[in-house]
């Protein structure tokens, strides 16, 4: 038996600039009439490298990994389709028939994560250009029970992509593997004062 999920995919990073690095970036912005809120560490990495010795956007983003879409994720918006296939027969599975666990990540979580450090954090990433298809195998050969399909969805307000699927399990077995890297369009960079 297998589950087929069709959705857009997205990936994203959360890049904090803290302490002395933040002060250096503020100085640069003041001296060059740049708005610190609208810089993007990925698109403007050369500016960050001029201000911060040894700056690498992806290394810097490791500090925000727990609050990001560091690895590709399936977007759980209105385009999401779920199907299950058993004995060669494919059926549509409405999300409402599954067990859905929802959680949120917001700006308060960001501030708690960096525990009072002063600075700025940027979120950025990209979304696939087209709907992608993922097949998940289920080893359980008993009758399919949609309530045993548990889909964990996160509404991460720090990113401009909407809710995404964090994990999927069936009958207490995790079935979601890492997704393939994607190509696509960048979505809006957002920034947050810490």
Protein backbone atom coordinates (compact mmCIF):
# COMPACT_ATOMS: atom_id res chain seq x y z
CA UNK A 1 0.00 0.00 0.00
CA UNK A 2 1.20 3.51 -0.66
CA UNK A 3 0.23 7.12 -0.13
CA UNK A 4 0.67 9.65 -2.94
CA UNK A 5 0.88 13.32 -2.03
CA UNK A 6 0.75 16.07 -4.64
CA UNK A 7 1.72 19.55 -3.50
CA UNK A 8 4.06 22.45 -3.97
CA UNK A 9 7.31 22.12 -2.05
CA UNK A 10 9.27 24.84 -0.28
CA UNK A 11 12.49 25.23 1.58
CA UNK A 12 13.69 28.11 3.69
CA UNK A 13 16.31 29.38 6.07
CA UNK A 14 16.26 31.59 9.13
CA UNK A 15 19.46 33.60 9.39
CA UNK A 16 20.11 35.47 12.66
CA UNK A 17 22.60 38.33 12.83
CA UNK A 18 23.40 38.96 16.49
CA UNK A 19 25.69 40.88 18.82
CA UNK A 20 28.80 42.43 17.28
CA UNK A 21 27.85 41.17 13.80
CA UNK A 22 24.54 43.03 14.10
CA UNK A 23 26.33 46.24 15.13
CA UNK A 24 28.62 45.99 12.11
CA UNK A 25 25.65 45.46 9.80
CA UNK A 26 23.87 48.47 11.35
CA UNK A 27 26.99 50.60 10.73
CA UNK A 28 27.16 49.47 7.11
CA UNK A 29 23.48 50.28 6.55
CA UNK A 30 23.85 53.71 8.16
CA UNK A 31 26.97 54.54 6.12
CA UNK A 32 25.44 53.31 2.84
CA UNK A 33 21.83 54.46 3.29
CA UNK A 34 20.55 50.86 3.24
CA UNK A 35 17.43 49.70 5.04
CA UNK A 36 18.52 46.82 7.29
CA UNK A 37 15.01 45.32 7.24
CA UNK A 38 15.08 44.71 3.49
CA UNK A 39 18.52 43.19 3.04
CA UNK A 40 18.46 39.48 2.23
CA UNK A 41 21.46 37.46 3.46
CA UNK A 42 21.18 35.18 0.43
CA UNK A 43 20.65 37.73 -2.36
CA UNK A 44 23.03 40.26 -0.73
CA UNK A 45 25.57 37.85 0.71
CA UNK A 46 28.45 40.00 -0.56
CA UNK A 47 27.25 42.91 1.63
CA UNK A 48 27.10 40.64 4.68
CA UNK A 49 30.58 39.29 3.86
CA UNK A 50 31.91 42.87 3.71
CA UNK A 51 30.47 43.57 7.18
CA UNK A 52 30.97 40.26 8.96
CA UNK A 53 34.27 38.41 8.78
CA UNK A 54 33.90 34.83 7.51
CA UNK A 55 30.16 35.22 6.87
CA UNK A 56 28.49 32.29 5.08
CA UNK A 57 24.71 32.52 4.80
CA UNK A 58 24.05 28.79 5.17
CA UNK A 59 26.47 28.31 8.05
CA UNK A 60 24.91 31.31 9.79
CA UNK A 61 21.43 29.86 9.21
CA UNK A 62 22.27 26.72 11.19
CA UNK A 63 21.50 28.75 14.34
CA UNK A 64 17.90 29.11 13.13
CA UNK A 65 17.49 25.56 11.81
CA UNK A 66 14.96 24.50 14.49
CA UNK A 67 12.56 27.26 13.40
CA UNK A 68 12.97 26.93 9.63
CA UNK A 69 12.18 24.80 6.60
CA UNK A 70 15.85 23.84 6.45
CA UNK A 71 14.96 20.79 4.35
CA UNK A 72 12.29 20.77 1.62
CA UNK A 73 8.72 20.50 2.91
CA UNK A 74 5.33 19.87 1.28
CA UNK A 75 3.06 22.91 1.39
CA UNK A 76 -0.34 22.15 2.94
CA UNK A 77 -2.45 24.70 1.07
CA UNK A 78 -5.53 24.31 -1.16
CA UNK A 79 -3.45 22.59 -3.88
CA UNK A 80 -2.58 19.66 -1.58
CA UNK A 81 -3.94 16.30 -2.77
CA UNK A 82 -3.60 12.99 -0.93
CA UNK A 83 -4.33 9.60 -2.49
CA UNK A 84 -3.84 6.06 -1.28
CA UNK A 85 -3.21 3.06 -3.49
CA UNK A 86 -3.96 -0.51 -2.49
CA UNK A 87 -4.03 -3.49 -4.84
CA UNK A 88 -3.56 -1.14 -7.80
CA UNK A 89 -6.65 0.90 -6.95
CA UNK A 90 -6.10 4.63 -6.29
CA UNK A 91 -8.53 6.63 -4.15
CA UNK A 92 -8.59 10.28 -3.11
CA UNK A 93 -8.13 10.81 0.61
CA UNK A 94 -9.49 14.10 2.00
CA UNK A 95 -7.24 15.62 4.64
CA UNK A 96 -10.27 15.81 6.94
CA UNK A 97 -10.37 12.00 7.12
CA UNK A 98 -6.79 11.83 8.42
CA UNK A 99 -5.55 12.68 11.89
CA UNK A 100 -4.01 16.14 11.61
CA UNK A 101 -1.80 17.61 14.32
CA UNK A 102 -1.35 21.35 13.88
CA UNK A 103 1.15 23.64 15.54
CA UNK A 104 2.37 27.19 15.09
CA UNK A 105 5.69 28.98 15.12
CA UNK A 106 5.60 32.74 15.56
CA UNK A 107 7.75 35.73 16.44
CA UNK A 108 7.56 34.96 20.18
CA UNK A 109 9.10 31.53 19.50
CA UNK A 110 11.87 33.28 17.58
CA UNK A 111 12.64 35.65 20.44
CA UNK A 112 12.54 32.79 22.98
CA UNK A 113 14.88 30.73 20.80
CA UNK A 114 17.52 33.48 20.80
CA UNK A 115 16.92 34.18 24.50
CA UNK A 116 17.15 37.96 24.57
CA UNK A 117 20.05 38.32 22.12
CA UNK A 118 19.87 41.63 20.28
CA UNK A 119 19.92 41.60 16.51
CA UNK A 120 17.84 40.78 13.47
CA UNK A 121 16.75 37.51 11.87
CA UNK A 122 15.92 37.06 8.20
CA UNK A 123 13.74 34.34 6.73
CA UNK A 124 14.06 33.51 3.04
CA UNK A 125 13.79 30.57 0.68
CA UNK A 126 12.04 29.34 -2.40
CA UNK A 127 8.97 27.40 -3.51
CA UNK A 128 8.72 24.87 -6.34
CA UNK A 129 7.43 26.15 -9.67
CA UNK A 130 5.06 23.24 -10.04
CA UNK A 131 3.17 20.67 -8.01
CA UNK A 132 5.39 17.73 -7.13
CA UNK A 133 4.43 14.15 -6.36
CA UNK A 134 5.75 12.09 -3.45
CA UNK A 135 5.07 8.37 -2.90
CA UNK A 136 5.21 6.96 0.63
CA UNK A 137 5.16 3.21 1.18
CA UNK A 138 3.20 1.66 4.03
CA UNK A 139 4.35 -1.79 5.12
CA UNK A 140 1.15 -2.48 7.10
CA UNK A 141 -0.99 -4.90 5.03
CA UNK A 142 -4.18 -4.61 7.10
CA UNK A 143 -7.17 -2.62 5.87
CA UNK A 144 -6.28 1.03 5.39
CA UNK A 145 -7.55 3.27 8.20
CA UNK A 146 -7.23 6.98 7.36
CA UNK A 147 -7.33 7.89 11.07
CA UNK A 148 -4.03 6.02 11.52
CA UNK A 149 -2.45 8.39 8.98
CA UNK A 150 -1.13 11.19 11.19
CA UNK A 151 -0.03 14.34 9.38
CA UNK A 152 1.81 17.00 11.39
CA UNK A 153 1.34 20.46 9.91
CA UNK A 154 3.16 23.59 11.02
CA UNK A 155 1.94 27.11 10.39
CA UNK A 156 5.25 28.94 10.54
CA UNK A 157 4.48 32.66 10.59
CA UNK A 158 8.17 33.48 10.14
CA UNK A 159 8.06 32.38 6.48
CA UNK A 160 5.93 33.58 3.57
CA UNK A 161 4.86 30.11 2.35
CA UNK A 162 1.85 29.08 4.45
CA UNK A 163 1.41 25.84 6.39
CA UNK A 164 3.67 22.89 5.58
CA UNK A 165 3.85 19.20 6.42
CA UNK A 166 6.54 18.49 8.99
CA UNK A 167 6.01 14.74 9.36
CA UNK A 168 3.75 11.84 8.42
CA UNK A 169 3.25 8.55 10.20
CA UNK A 170 0.97 5.58 9.74
CA UNK A 171 0.07 3.31 12.65
CA UNK A 172 2.85 4.89 14.75
CA UNK A 173 5.51 4.32 12.05
CA UNK A 174 7.16 7.37 10.45
CA UNK A 175 6.82 7.08 6.68
CA UNK A 176 8.04 10.46 5.42
CA UNK A 177 11.62 10.39 4.14
CA UNK A 178 13.69 13.40 3.16
CA UNK A 179 12.31 15.10 0.07
CA UNK A 180 14.36 15.84 -3.01
CA UNK A 181 15.89 19.27 -3.44
CA UNK A 182 13.74 21.64 -5.43
CA UNK A 183 14.16 24.46 -7.88
CA UNK A 184 11.80 27.36 -7.91
CA UNK A 185 11.09 31.01 -7.28
CA UNK A 186 12.21 32.90 -4.19
CA UNK A 187 9.43 34.08 -1.91
CA UNK A 188 9.44 37.27 0.13
CA UNK A 189 12.29 37.80 2.57
CA UNK A 190 10.97 38.74 6.00
CA UNK A 191 12.94 40.24 8.85
CA UNK A 192 12.41 40.31 12.62
CA UNK A 193 14.02 42.51 15.22
CA UNK A 194 15.37 40.59 18.18
